[in-house]
Amino acid sequence: MTKGSVKLHRVYDKPLPQKGHRILVDRLWPRGVAKEDLKPFDWVKDLAPSKELRTWYDHKENRFDEFKDKYMKELDDNDKAQDFVKTVKKEQQKGDVWLLYGAKDEKHNNAVVLKEWLSK
């Protein structure tokens, strides 16, 4: 039985969650954010969308559905993804897991897709 849930938080929105396990899910470090501001945290840039997919998507909302499908396929094919699932489930036994991201759009970004993928 899980104690916590997977939640999303934009790194630029203060305050950052103080309770729970924090995981940065972007491939690139968010501009203007000091690493000290996110500690303690994990960074799973290997599970972020590929450079090619991120560049193609370019945060264009009309491409989100196709981005979501392609990113989920990348996650399905990623050898490190199952270890990540195990880590998330383990951390959920202790409390909430926060997926941190830098995108401006809170509804159309890789963290939203990753959260949905985790719930499959």
N, C-alpha and C. Protein backbone atom coordinates (compact mmCIF):
# COMPACT_ATOMS: atom_id res chain seq x y z
N MET A 1 0.84 -1.19 0.00
CA MET A 1 0.00 0.00 0.00
C MET A 1 0.88 1.24 0.00
N THR A 2 0.58 2.17 -0.90
CA THR A 2 1.39 3.38 -0.97
C THR A 2 0.87 4.43 0.00
N LYS A 3 1.81 5.14 0.55
CA LYS A 3 1.49 6.20 1.51
C LYS A 3 1.35 7.54 0.79
N GLY A 4 2.26 7.77 -0.15
CA GLY A 4 2.26 9.05 -0.84
C GLY A 4 1.80 8.93 -2.28
N SER A 5 1.75 10.07 -2.94
CA SER A 5 1.36 10.09 -4.35
C SER A 5 2.41 10.84 -5.15
N VAL A 6 2.31 10.72 -6.46
CA VAL A 6 3.21 11.44 -7.36
C VAL A 6 2.56 12.79 -7.66
N LYS A 7 3.32 13.85 -7.43
CA LYS A 7 2.81 15.21 -7.63
C LYS A 7 3.79 15.98 -8.51
N LEU A 8 3.32 17.06 -9.08
CA LEU A 8 4.13 17.90 -9.96
C LEU A 8 4.37 19.26 -9.31
N HIS A 9 5.55 19.83 -9.57
CA HIS A 9 5.83 21.18 -9.07
C HIS A 9 6.82 21.86 -10.02
N ARG A 10 6.49 23.06 -10.43
CA ARG A 10 7.37 23.86 -11.29
C ARG A 10 8.47 24.48 -10.42
N VAL A 11 9.72 24.31 -10.82
CA VAL A 11 10.84 24.74 -9.98
C VAL A 11 10.87 26.25 -9.74
N TYR A 12 10.23 27.01 -10.61
CA TYR A 12 10.23 28.47 -10.45
C TYR A 12 9.15 28.95 -9.49
N ASP A 13 8.23 28.07 -9.13
CA ASP A 13 7.16 28.44 -8.21
C ASP A 13 7.61 28.17 -6.78
N LYS A 14 7.66 29.20 -5.99
CA LYS A 14 8.09 29.09 -4.60
C LYS A 14 6.87 29.09 -3.71
N PRO A 15 6.94 28.42 -2.58
CA PRO A 15 8.08 27.63 -2.13
C PRO A 15 8.06 26.23 -2.75
N LEU A 16 9.23 25.63 -2.79
CA LEU A 16 9.33 24.25 -3.23
C LEU A 16 8.80 23.35 -2.12
N PRO A 17 8.25 22.20 -2.48
CA PRO A 17 7.77 21.28 -1.45
C PRO A 17 8.91 20.87 -0.52
N GLN A 18 8.66 20.92 0.76
CA GLN A 18 9.69 20.56 1.73
C GLN A 18 9.60 19.11 2.17
N LYS A 19 8.41 18.52 2.05
CA LYS A 19 8.24 17.12 2.43
C LYS A 19 8.10 16.28 1.19
N GLY A 20 8.66 15.08 1.26
CA GLY A 20 8.58 14.17 0.14
C GLY A 20 9.90 14.11 -0.62
N HIS A 21 9.95 13.23 -1.58
CA HIS A 21 11.14 13.00 -2.39
C HIS A 21 11.04 13.84 -3.67
N ARG A 22 12.05 14.67 -3.93
CA ARG A 22 12.02 15.57 -5.08
C ARG A 22 12.92 15.04 -6.20
N ILE A 23 12.37 15.04 -7.43
CA ILE A 23 13.10 14.52 -8.58
C ILE A 23 12.96 15.51 -9.74
N LEU A 24 14.08 16.06 -10.18
CA LEU A 24 14.08 16.93 -11.36
C LEU A 24 14.00 16.02 -12.59
N VAL A 25 13.02 16.29 -13.46
CA VAL A 25 12.77 15.39 -14.59
C VAL A 25 13.09 16.03 -15.94
N ASP A 26 13.78 17.15 -15.95
CA ASP A 26 14.19 17.82 -17.20
C ASP A 26 15.59 17.37 -17.60
N ARG A 27 15.85 17.37 -18.89
CA ARG A 27 17.19 17.01 -19.38
C ARG A 27 18.18 18.14 -19.12
N LEU A 28 17.71 19.37 -19.28
CA LEU A 28 18.57 20.54 -19.07
C LEU A 28 18.27 21.17 -17.71
N TRP A 29 19.32 21.71 -17.10
CA TRP A 29 19.14 22.37 -15.81
C TRP A 29 18.31 23.65 -16.02
N PRO A 30 17.33 23.91 -15.15
CA PRO A 30 16.50 25.12 -15.32
C PRO A 30 17.31 26.40 -15.09
N ARG A 31 17.19 27.32 -16.04
CA ARG A 31 17.95 28.57 -15.96
C ARG A 31 17.62 29.35 -14.71
N GLY A 32 18.66 29.89 -14.09
CA GLY A 32 18.48 30.77 -12.95
C GLY A 32 18.16 30.07 -11.64
N VAL A 33 18.17 28.75 -11.63
CA VAL A 33 17.88 28.00 -10.41
C VAL A 33 19.19 27.41 -9.90
N ALA A 34 19.51 27.73 -8.66
CA ALA A 34 20.73 27.20 -8.05
C ALA A 34 20.47 25.77 -7.56
N LYS A 35 21.47 24.92 -7.69
CA LYS A 35 21.32 23.54 -7.21
C LYS A 35 20.99 23.52 -5.73
N GLU A 36 21.52 24.48 -5.00
CA GLU A 36 21.23 24.56 -3.56
C GLU A 36 19.74 24.75 -3.30
N ASP A 37 19.05 25.42 -4.23
CA ASP A 37 17.62 25.68 -4.04
C ASP A 37 16.78 24.41 -4.11
N LEU A 38 17.29 23.38 -4.79
CA LEU A 38 16.52 22.15 -4.97
C LEU A 38 16.89 21.04 -4.00
N LYS A 39 18.00 21.20 -3.29
CA LYS A 39 18.47 20.12 -2.41
C LYS A 39 17.48 19.89 -1.29
N PRO A 40 17.31 18.63 -0.89
CA PRO A 40 17.84 17.42 -1.54
C PRO A 40 16.96 17.03 -2.72
N PHE A 41 17.56 16.47 -3.75
CA PHE A 41 16.81 16.08 -4.94
C PHE A 41 17.59 15.05 -5.74
N ASP A 42 16.89 14.33 -6.59
CA ASP A 42 17.51 13.47 -7.59
C ASP A 42 17.27 14.14 -8.94
N TRP A 43 18.11 13.80 -9.91
CA TRP A 43 17.95 14.35 -11.26
C TRP A 43 17.99 13.18 -12.23
N VAL A 44 16.91 12.96 -12.94
CA VAL A 44 16.82 11.82 -13.86
C VAL A 44 16.79 12.31 -15.31
N LYS A 45 17.84 12.99 -15.69
CA LYS A 45 17.87 13.55 -17.05
C LYS A 45 17.87 12.47 -18.12
N ASP A 46 18.29 11.26 -17.77
CA ASP A 46 18.26 10.16 -18.75
C ASP A 46 16.85 9.71 -19.08
N LEU A 47 15.88 10.11 -18.27
CA LEU A 47 14.49 9.75 -18.55
C LEU A 47 13.71 10.90 -19.17
N ALA A 48 14.35 12.03 -19.31
CA ALA A 48 13.71 13.18 -19.96
C ALA A 48 13.59 12.90 -21.46
N PRO A 49 12.72 13.63 -22.15
CA PRO A 49 12.62 13.44 -23.61
C PRO A 49 13.98 13.63 -24.28
N SER A 50 14.22 12.89 -25.33
CA SER A 50 15.46 13.01 -26.08
C SER A 50 15.62 14.45 -26.60
N LYS A 51 16.84 14.81 -26.90
CA LYS A 51 17.09 16.15 -27.44
C LYS A 51 16.28 16.37 -28.71
N GLU A 52 16.23 15.35 -29.56
CA GLU A 52 15.49 15.47 -30.83
C GLU A 52 13.99 15.70 -30.58
N LEU A 53 13.43 14.95 -29.66
CA LEU A 53 12.01 15.09 -29.37
C LEU A 53 11.72 16.44 -28.71
N ARG A 54 12.56 16.82 -27.78
CA ARG A 54 12.38 18.12 -27.09
C ARG A 54 12.46 19.27 -28.08
N THR A 55 13.42 19.21 -28.99
CA THR A 55 13.59 20.25 -30.00
C THR A 55 12.39 20.30 -30.94
N TRP A 56 11.93 19.12 -31.38
CA TRP A 56 10.77 19.07 -32.27
C TRP A 56 9.53 19.63 -31.58
N TYR A 57 9.29 19.23 -30.35
CA TYR A 57 8.09 19.66 -29.61
C TYR A 57 8.08 21.17 -29.39
N ASP A 58 9.19 21.72 -28.92
CA ASP A 58 9.38 23.17 -28.76
C ASP A 58 8.23 23.82 -27.97
N HIS A 59 7.64 23.07 -27.05
CA HIS A 59 6.55 23.57 -26.18
C HIS A 59 5.38 24.14 -26.97
N LYS A 60 5.11 23.56 -28.13
CA LYS A 60 3.96 23.99 -28.95
C LYS A 60 2.77 23.10 -28.58
N GLU A 61 1.77 23.74 -28.00
CA GLU A 61 0.63 23.00 -27.47
C GLU A 61 -0.05 22.12 -28.53
N ASN A 62 -0.08 22.58 -29.77
CA ASN A 62 -0.74 21.79 -30.82
C ASN A 62 0.03 20.50 -31.14
N ARG A 63 1.25 20.36 -30.65
CA ARG A 63 2.04 19.15 -30.87
C ARG A 63 2.03 18.23 -29.64
N PHE A 64 1.32 18.63 -28.59
CA PHE A 64 1.43 17.91 -27.32
C PHE A 64 0.98 16.46 -27.42
N ASP A 65 -0.13 16.19 -28.07
CA ASP A 65 -0.61 14.80 -28.15
C ASP A 65 0.41 13.89 -28.82
N GLU A 66 1.00 14.37 -29.90
CA GLU A 66 2.02 13.56 -30.58
C GLU A 66 3.29 13.47 -29.73
N PHE A 67 3.65 14.57 -29.08
CA PHE A 67 4.80 14.56 -28.16
C PHE A 67 4.58 13.51 -27.08
N LYS A 68 3.40 13.51 -26.50
CA LYS A 68 3.07 12.56 -25.42
C LYS A 68 3.25 11.12 -25.90
N ASP A 69 2.71 10.80 -27.07
CA ASP A 69 2.84 9.45 -27.61
C ASP A 69 4.31 9.07 -27.83
N LYS A 70 5.07 9.99 -28.42
CA LYS A 70 6.48 9.71 -28.71
C LYS A 70 7.30 9.60 -27.43
N TYR A 71 7.01 10.46 -26.46
CA TYR A 71 7.76 10.42 -25.20
C TYR A 71 7.44 9.13 -24.43
N MET A 72 6.19 8.72 -24.42
CA MET A 72 5.83 7.47 -23.74
C MET A 72 6.55 6.29 -24.40
N LYS A 73 6.68 6.33 -25.71
CA LYS A 73 7.41 5.27 -26.42
C LYS A 73 8.88 5.29 -26.00
N GLU A 74 9.47 6.50 -25.88
CA GLU A 74 10.85 6.59 -25.40
C GLU A 74 10.98 6.00 -24.00
N LEU A 75 10.02 6.29 -23.14
CA LEU A 75 10.06 5.75 -21.78
C LEU A 75 9.94 4.23 -21.80
N ASP A 76 9.03 3.72 -22.61
CA ASP A 76 8.86 2.27 -22.71
C ASP A 76 10.15 1.58 -23.17
N ASP A 77 10.90 2.24 -24.02
CA ASP A 77 12.11 1.67 -24.59
C ASP A 77 13.38 1.97 -23.78
N ASN A 78 13.25 2.76 -22.72
CA ASN A 78 14.40 3.19 -21.93
C ASN A 78 14.75 2.13 -20.88
N ASP A 79 15.99 1.63 -20.93
CA ASP A 79 16.42 0.59 -20.00
C ASP A 79 16.40 1.05 -18.54
N LYS A 80 16.54 2.33 -18.30
CA LYS A 80 16.60 2.86 -16.93
C LYS A 80 15.21 3.14 -16.35
N ALA A 81 14.20 3.05 -17.17
CA ALA A 81 12.86 3.43 -16.73
C ALA A 81 12.31 2.52 -15.64
N GLN A 82 12.54 1.23 -15.74
CA GLN A 82 12.00 0.32 -14.72
C GLN A 82 12.65 0.53 -13.36
N ASP A 83 13.94 0.86 -13.34
CA ASP A 83 14.59 1.20 -12.07
C ASP A 83 13.97 2.46 -11.47
N PHE A 84 13.64 3.40 -12.33
CA PHE A 84 12.99 4.63 -11.88
C PHE A 84 11.62 4.32 -11.26
N VAL A 85 10.87 3.45 -11.91
CA VAL A 85 9.55 3.06 -11.38
C VAL A 85 9.72 2.46 -9.98
N LYS A 86 10.71 1.59 -9.81
CA LYS A 86 10.96 0.98 -8.51
C LYS A 86 11.32 2.03 -7.46
N THR A 87 12.16 2.99 -7.86
CA THR A 87 12.54 4.06 -6.93
C THR A 87 11.33 4.87 -6.51
N VAL A 88 10.49 5.23 -7.46
CA VAL A 88 9.30 6.02 -7.15
C VAL A 88 8.39 5.25 -6.19
N LYS A 89 8.15 3.98 -6.48
CA LYS A 89 7.28 3.18 -5.62
C LYS A 89 7.87 3.06 -4.21
N LYS A 90 9.18 2.88 -4.13
CA LYS A 90 9.85 2.80 -2.82
C LYS A 90 9.69 4.11 -2.05
N GLU A 91 9.90 5.22 -2.73
CA GLU A 91 9.78 6.53 -2.07
C GLU A 91 8.34 6.83 -1.70
N GLN A 92 7.38 6.32 -2.46
CA GLN A 92 5.97 6.53 -2.13
C GLN A 92 5.59 5.83 -0.82
N GLN A 93 6.34 4.82 -0.44
CA GLN A 93 6.08 4.17 0.85
C GLN A 93 6.37 5.12 2.01
N LYS A 94 7.24 6.11 1.76
CA LYS A 94 7.62 7.08 2.79
C LYS A 94 6.78 8.34 2.73
N GLY A 95 6.28 8.68 1.54
CA GLY A 95 5.51 9.91 1.39
C GLY A 95 5.37 10.30 -0.08
N ASP A 96 5.09 11.57 -0.30
CA ASP A 96 4.88 12.06 -1.66
C ASP A 96 6.18 12.08 -2.46
N VAL A 97 6.04 11.91 -3.76
CA VAL A 97 7.15 12.05 -4.71
C VAL A 97 6.81 13.24 -5.60
N TRP A 98 7.71 14.20 -5.65
CA TRP A 98 7.51 15.43 -6.42
C TRP A 98 8.35 15.37 -7.68
N LEU A 99 7.70 15.44 -8.85
CA LEU A 99 8.40 15.55 -10.12
C LEU A 99 8.56 17.04 -10.41
N LEU A 100 9.79 17.50 -10.39
CA LEU A 100 10.09 18.92 -10.60
C LEU A 100 10.42 19.17 -12.06
N TYR A 101 9.92 20.28 -12.59
CA TYR A 101 10.14 20.63 -14.00
C TYR A 101 10.23 22.14 -14.13
N GLY A 102 10.74 22.59 -15.28
CA GLY A 102 10.92 24.02 -15.49
C GLY A 102 9.98 24.65 -16.50
N ALA A 103 9.21 23.88 -17.22
CA ALA A 103 8.36 24.41 -18.30
C ALA A 103 7.34 25.42 -17.75
N LYS A 104 7.04 26.42 -18.58
CA LYS A 104 6.03 27.42 -18.20
C LYS A 104 4.63 26.84 -18.21
N ASP A 105 4.34 26.01 -19.19
CA ASP A 105 3.01 25.44 -19.35
C ASP A 105 2.85 24.27 -18.36
N GLU A 106 1.95 24.43 -17.42
CA GLU A 106 1.79 23.43 -16.36
C GLU A 106 0.98 22.21 -16.79
N LYS A 107 0.33 22.28 -17.95
CA LYS A 107 -0.51 21.17 -18.41
C LYS A 107 0.09 20.40 -19.58
N HIS A 108 1.05 21.01 -20.25
CA HIS A 108 1.62 20.41 -21.46
C HIS A 108 3.14 20.37 -21.34
N ASN A 109 3.66 19.39 -20.61
CA ASN A 109 5.10 19.28 -20.44
C ASN A 109 5.47 17.82 -20.15
N ASN A 110 6.75 17.55 -20.14
CA ASN A 110 7.22 16.18 -19.95
C ASN A 110 6.89 15.61 -18.58
N ALA A 111 6.83 16.43 -17.55
CA ALA A 111 6.50 15.93 -16.21
C ALA A 111 5.07 15.40 -16.17
N VAL A 112 4.16 16.06 -16.86
CA VAL A 112 2.77 15.61 -16.93
C VAL A 112 2.72 14.23 -17.59
N VAL A 113 3.46 14.07 -18.67
CA VAL A 113 3.49 12.78 -19.38
C VAL A 113 4.14 11.71 -18.52
N LEU A 114 5.25 12.05 -17.87
CA LEU A 114 5.94 11.08 -17.02
C LEU A 114 5.04 10.62 -15.87
N LYS A 115 4.32 11.53 -15.27
CA LYS A 115 3.39 11.16 -14.19
C LYS A 115 2.33 10.19 -14.72
N GLU A 116 1.78 10.49 -15.88
CA GLU A 116 0.78 9.59 -16.47
C GLU A 116 1.39 8.23 -16.79
N TRP A 117 2.61 8.23 -17.33
CA TRP A 117 3.29 6.98 -17.66
C TRP A 117 3.52 6.14 -16.40
N LEU A 118 3.87 6.79 -15.31
CA LEU A 118 4.10 6.08 -14.04
C LEU A 118 2.83 5.40 -13.54
N SER A 119 1.69 5.95 -13.88
CA SER A 119 0.43 5.40 -13.38
C SER A 119 -0.09 4.24 -14.24
N LYS A 120 0.60 3.93 -15.33
CA LYS A 120 0.15 2.83 -16.21
C LYS A 120 0.33 1.49 -15.52
